[in-house]
Every structure is written in structure tokens, then in C-alpha cells.
Amino acid sequence: MKQNLQSIGGELKTQVKILAALVATFWIIVILNEVIFENILLLSTGCGLRRGLNALGIVPHSFIGLRGILFAPFLHGGFYHVLANTVPFIVLGWFVMLRNIKDFYFVSVMSALVGGLGTWMVGRPCSVHIGASGIIFGYFGYLLFRGYFEKSFVAIAISIAIAIGYGGMIWGVLPTRAYISWEGHLFGFIGGVIAAKLLAPSKTAQ
């Protein structure tokens, strides 16, 4: 019993460290951008010049804009933007890594890749897409569909809990506001669903 508790405690500490490190990175970058780079640095995006680190975001249909697939999740358009993403990133991210921390990495990468490429292909030319919301929607899609693909009691219970607690997020995949990257939300969500399918135990393994 004591060893089990120590194992659970050690895993929880690891989960907290991972989430804390990523959230700290989001905040450090936005602080640096607001205080330093926003005022002095101009970076080319392939659609003219833009100010600050956010120029490294996804720029649809631009070859140089592909770099944003790597950088965009760590960039935010100010303190309100990063604050709005912090809580859902922690909560949904923690639910994703509950079973296995490797699941968290896989879902994160899948959501970033599918979300980034999808945004790059269908987004408005010369727009710049930034923020961790694409990955957050990936977590949402993964958790929502994990129960469907796995058909286990725990997975279904988590899917139901997420649907009740965060079901309103689904409207974020629709083009409701011009300044919100619904493309990133939609394709990040799709990336999460794909991850849920790929991570589901095979029938032969069951």
C-alpha cells in the first residue's frame, strides 16, 4: 500500500512539473514579447513585416509561415490571451496524462501538427495564428472521443465529465469571430480525435 501511494505521489509530482513548466514557458514568452520584443523587433512573415515574436506564428499559404506549427502554441496575443488558455490547458492536459504521461505528449504533438497544418492550408492569407488553444481543443477532442473508441468504463466516464464541464467549447470550432482562430480550434480538435483513435487499445490486445 505504501509503495503504491509513493508511486502515485511520484507520478503526480511529475505531472505537475510538466504542466507547470509548459505554462511557465507560455507566460515567460508573453512577458518577454510585451516588455521587450513588441517594441524593438520586426520579423518578416512573408506578408510584409510584423512586430514582435508573434510574427513567428502560423501564416497560411506562406512557406515561411510553416515555422508557426512549431512556435505558435507558445505564443499569445497578450496577458488576457495567455490567461484564458492557462486554466483549460492545465485541467484538460492533466486529464489527458492521467492514464499515461506518454499519451499527453502524443496528443499534444498530434494536435499541434494536424491543427497547424490544417490552419496553414485553409486559413486566410497573411493572417497570423498563435496560441495554445489549438492544442487545448486537441485535448478536448481526445477526451471527448476516448470513451467512444476505448469503450471502457473509465474512458466513458471521463468523456461524459468533459462533455458536461467543457461541452460549450465545441462552438469554438465555428467561424464566429474574425479575431479568433477557429481554424486552429477545428483542426486541433480533429488532431485530438485522431489521437484518441490511434491510442485506443486494439481489439486483439483486449
Protein backbone atom coordinates (compact mmCIF):
# COMPACT_ATOMS: atom_id res chain seq x y z
CA MET A 1 0.00 0.00 0.00
CA LYS A 2 2.79 2.41 0.98
CA GLN A 3 4.68 1.69 -2.24
CA ASN A 4 1.52 2.28 -4.28
CA LEU A 5 0.94 5.62 -2.57
CA GLN A 6 4.56 6.62 -3.16
CA SER A 7 4.24 5.63 -6.82
CA ILE A 8 1.05 7.66 -7.24
CA GLY A 9 2.61 10.60 -5.42
CA GLY A 10 5.71 10.46 -7.62
CA GLU A 11 3.64 10.34 -10.79
CA LEU A 12 1.50 13.26 -9.64
CA LYS A 13 4.63 15.31 -8.97
CA THR A 14 5.88 14.54 -12.48
CA GLN A 15 2.55 15.60 -13.98
CA VAL A 16 2.59 18.86 -12.03
CA LYS A 17 6.17 19.58 -13.09
CA ILE A 18 5.37 19.04 -16.80
CA LEU A 19 2.27 21.22 -16.77
CA ALA A 20 3.96 23.90 -14.65
CA ALA A 21 6.99 24.03 -16.96
CA LEU A 22 4.83 24.45 -20.07
CA VAL A 23 2.58 27.09 -18.51
CA ALA A 24 5.63 28.94 -17.20
CA THR A 25 7.04 28.92 -20.73
CA PHE A 26 3.82 30.45 -22.09
CA TRP A 27 3.94 33.24 -19.51
CA ILE A 28 7.67 33.95 -19.82
CA ILE A 29 7.39 34.28 -23.59
CA VAL A 30 4.38 36.61 -23.44
CA ILE A 31 6.12 38.77 -20.82
CA LEU A 32 9.28 38.99 -22.93
CA ASN A 33 7.23 39.81 -26.00
CA GLU A 34 5.18 42.51 -24.27
CA VAL A 35 8.13 44.10 -22.46
CA ILE A 36 10.98 43.75 -24.95
CA PHE A 37 10.31 42.38 -28.43
CA GLU A 38 6.99 44.08 -29.10
CA ASN A 39 8.75 47.43 -29.09
CA ILE A 40 12.03 46.76 -30.86
CA LEU A 41 11.88 43.70 -33.10
CA LEU A 42 10.46 43.40 -36.60
CA LEU A 43 10.26 39.97 -38.22
CA SER A 44 9.29 39.11 -41.78
CA THR A 45 6.34 36.73 -42.15
CA GLY A 46 6.24 36.54 -45.93
CA CYS A 47 3.38 39.07 -45.92
CA GLY A 48 5.33 42.17 -45.03
CA LEU A 49 6.81 42.99 -41.62
CA ARG A 50 5.17 42.41 -38.25
CA ARG A 51 6.28 43.49 -34.83
CA GLY A 52 7.37 41.12 -32.08
CA LEU A 53 7.67 37.38 -31.55
CA ASN A 54 4.10 36.75 -32.65
CA ALA A 55 5.31 37.14 -36.22
CA LEU A 56 6.57 33.58 -35.75
CA GLY A 57 3.00 32.28 -35.72
CA ILE A 58 1.33 30.28 -38.50
CA VAL A 59 0.91 32.32 -41.68
CA PRO A 60 -1.41 30.39 -44.04
CA HIS A 61 -0.23 29.62 -47.58
CA SER A 62 3.21 31.11 -46.89
CA PHE A 63 6.21 28.79 -46.91
CA ILE A 64 7.92 30.72 -44.13
CA GLY A 65 4.64 30.61 -42.20
CA LEU A 66 5.05 26.86 -41.73
CA ARG A 67 7.51 27.59 -38.91
CA GLY A 68 4.49 28.64 -36.88
CA ILE A 69 3.45 25.00 -36.48
CA LEU A 70 6.38 24.71 -34.06
CA PHE A 71 6.25 28.16 -32.46
CA ALA A 72 2.56 29.16 -32.45
CA PRO A 73 1.46 27.09 -29.41
CA PHE A 74 3.93 29.02 -27.23
CA LEU A 75 2.91 32.48 -28.46
CA HIS A 76 -0.02 34.55 -27.22
CA GLY A 77 -1.50 37.91 -28.08
CA GLY A 78 -1.12 39.42 -24.63
CA PHE A 79 -1.79 38.64 -20.98
CA TYR A 80 -5.55 38.13 -21.38
CA HIS A 81 -4.96 35.60 -24.15
CA VAL A 82 -2.45 33.53 -22.18
CA LEU A 83 -4.60 33.75 -19.02
CA ALA A 84 -7.65 32.47 -20.92
CA ASN A 85 -5.62 29.46 -22.13
CA THR A 86 -3.86 28.65 -18.87
CA VAL A 87 -6.69 27.03 -16.88
CA PRO A 88 -8.14 24.81 -19.66
CA PHE A 89 -4.61 23.78 -20.64
CA ILE A 90 -3.88 22.63 -17.09
CA VAL A 91 -7.24 20.93 -16.49
CA LEU A 92 -7.64 19.17 -19.84
CA GLY A 93 -3.92 18.44 -20.10
CA TRP A 94 -3.99 16.76 -16.70
CA PHE A 95 -6.96 14.60 -17.70
CA VAL A 96 -5.06 13.53 -20.82
CA MET A 97 -2.00 12.44 -18.86
CA LEU A 98 -3.94 10.67 -16.09
CA ARG A 99 -3.54 7.22 -17.63
CA ASN A 100 -0.10 7.69 -19.14
CA ILE A 101 2.17 10.70 -19.48
CA LYS A 102 3.19 9.43 -22.92
CA ASP A 103 -0.43 9.94 -24.01
CA PHE A 104 -0.07 13.62 -23.13
CA TYR A 105 2.97 14.04 -25.37
CA PHE A 106 1.38 12.12 -28.24
CA VAL A 107 -1.90 14.03 -28.11
CA SER A 108 -0.05 17.35 -27.81
CA VAL A 109 2.12 16.67 -30.85
CA MET A 110 -0.75 15.26 -32.92
CA SER A 111 -2.97 18.25 -32.10
CA ALA A 112 -0.18 20.72 -32.89
CA LEU A 113 0.69 19.07 -36.21
CA VAL A 114 -2.84 18.49 -37.50
CA GLY A 115 -4.04 21.80 -36.11
CA GLY A 116 -1.08 23.69 -37.54
CA LEU A 117 -1.14 22.12 -40.99
CA GLY A 118 -4.91 22.47 -41.25
CA THR A 119 -4.72 26.13 -40.28
CA TRP A 120 -1.91 26.73 -42.74
CA MET A 121 -3.92 25.16 -45.58
CA VAL A 122 -7.31 26.80 -45.05
CA GLY A 123 -6.59 29.98 -43.07
CA ARG A 124 -6.89 33.45 -44.52
CA PRO A 125 -3.77 34.55 -46.46
CA CYS A 126 -1.47 36.85 -44.48
CA SER A 127 -3.29 36.24 -41.22
CA VAL A 128 -1.16 35.13 -38.26
CA HIS A 129 -2.38 32.37 -35.96
CA ILE A 130 -0.95 31.99 -32.45
CA GLY A 131 -1.84 30.43 -29.10
CA ALA A 132 -2.10 27.11 -27.31
CA SER A 133 -5.85 26.87 -27.96
CA GLY A 134 -5.34 24.51 -30.91
CA ILE A 135 -3.68 22.01 -28.56
CA ILE A 136 -6.34 22.64 -25.91
CA PHE A 137 -9.03 21.78 -28.45
CA GLY A 138 -6.96 18.70 -29.27
CA TYR A 139 -7.16 17.63 -25.62
CA PHE A 140 -10.89 18.32 -25.71
CA GLY A 141 -11.38 16.18 -28.83
CA TYR A 142 -9.25 13.38 -27.44
CA LEU A 143 -11.05 13.25 -24.10
CA LEU A 144 -14.47 13.54 -25.72
CA PHE A 145 -13.88 10.65 -28.13
CA ARG A 146 -11.65 8.47 -25.98
CA GLY A 147 -14.69 6.82 -24.42
CA TYR A 148 -16.18 6.11 -27.85
CA PHE A 149 -13.04 4.41 -29.16
CA GLU A 150 -11.98 2.57 -25.97
CA LYS A 151 -15.43 1.66 -24.65
CA SER A 152 -14.09 1.23 -21.12
CA PHE A 153 -15.98 2.45 -18.06
CA VAL A 154 -13.26 4.90 -17.00
CA ALA A 155 -12.83 6.34 -20.50
CA ILE A 156 -16.57 6.76 -20.98
CA ALA A 157 -16.92 8.39 -17.54
CA ILE A 158 -14.15 10.88 -18.39
CA SER A 159 -15.75 11.63 -21.77
CA ILE A 160 -19.09 12.33 -20.10
CA ALA A 161 -17.43 14.53 -17.46
CA ILE A 162 -15.61 16.53 -20.13
CA ALA A 163 -18.79 16.89 -22.19
CA ILE A 164 -20.61 18.26 -19.14
CA GLY A 165 -17.81 20.53 -17.95
CA TYR A 166 -16.40 21.76 -21.26
CA GLY A 167 -19.05 20.92 -23.85
CA GLY A 168 -19.52 24.60 -24.68
CA MET A 169 -16.05 24.62 -26.23
CA ILE A 170 -17.44 22.89 -29.30
CA TRP A 171 -18.75 26.23 -30.56
CA GLY A 172 -15.16 27.41 -30.81
CA VAL A 173 -14.65 25.36 -33.97
CA LEU A 174 -17.09 27.60 -35.84
CA PRO A 175 -16.11 30.90 -37.55
CA THR A 176 -17.98 33.12 -35.10
CA ARG A 177 -15.39 35.89 -34.59
CA ALA A 178 -12.83 37.20 -37.04
CA TYR A 179 -10.08 37.62 -34.41
CA ILE A 180 -10.35 34.01 -33.15
CA SER A 181 -8.53 31.23 -34.99
CA TRP A 182 -11.46 28.86 -35.45
CA GLU A 183 -9.27 27.03 -37.98
CA GLY A 184 -6.76 26.20 -35.26
CA HIS A 185 -9.57 25.11 -32.96
CA LEU A 186 -11.22 22.91 -35.57
CA PHE A 187 -8.11 21.15 -36.81
CA GLY A 188 -6.64 20.87 -33.32
CA PHE A 189 -9.89 19.15 -32.29
CA ILE A 190 -9.59 16.81 -35.28
CA GLY A 191 -6.00 16.04 -34.29
CA GLY A 192 -7.20 15.09 -30.81
CA VAL A 193 -9.87 12.78 -32.23
CA ILE A 194 -7.25 11.11 -34.43
CA ALA A 195 -5.03 10.66 -31.37
CA ALA A 196 -7.92 9.05 -29.47
CA LYS A 197 -8.38 6.56 -32.29
CA LEU A 198 -4.68 5.76 -32.56
CA LEU A 199 -4.20 5.36 -28.79
CA ALA A 200 -7.27 3.17 -28.27
CA PRO A 201 -6.33 -0.42 -27.40
CA SER A 202 -6.79 -2.77 -30.35
CA LYS A 203 -9.45 -5.45 -30.18
CA THR A 204 -6.83 -8.15 -30.49
CA ALA A 205 -4.99 -6.72 -27.47
CA GLN A 206 -8.20 -6.85 -25.46
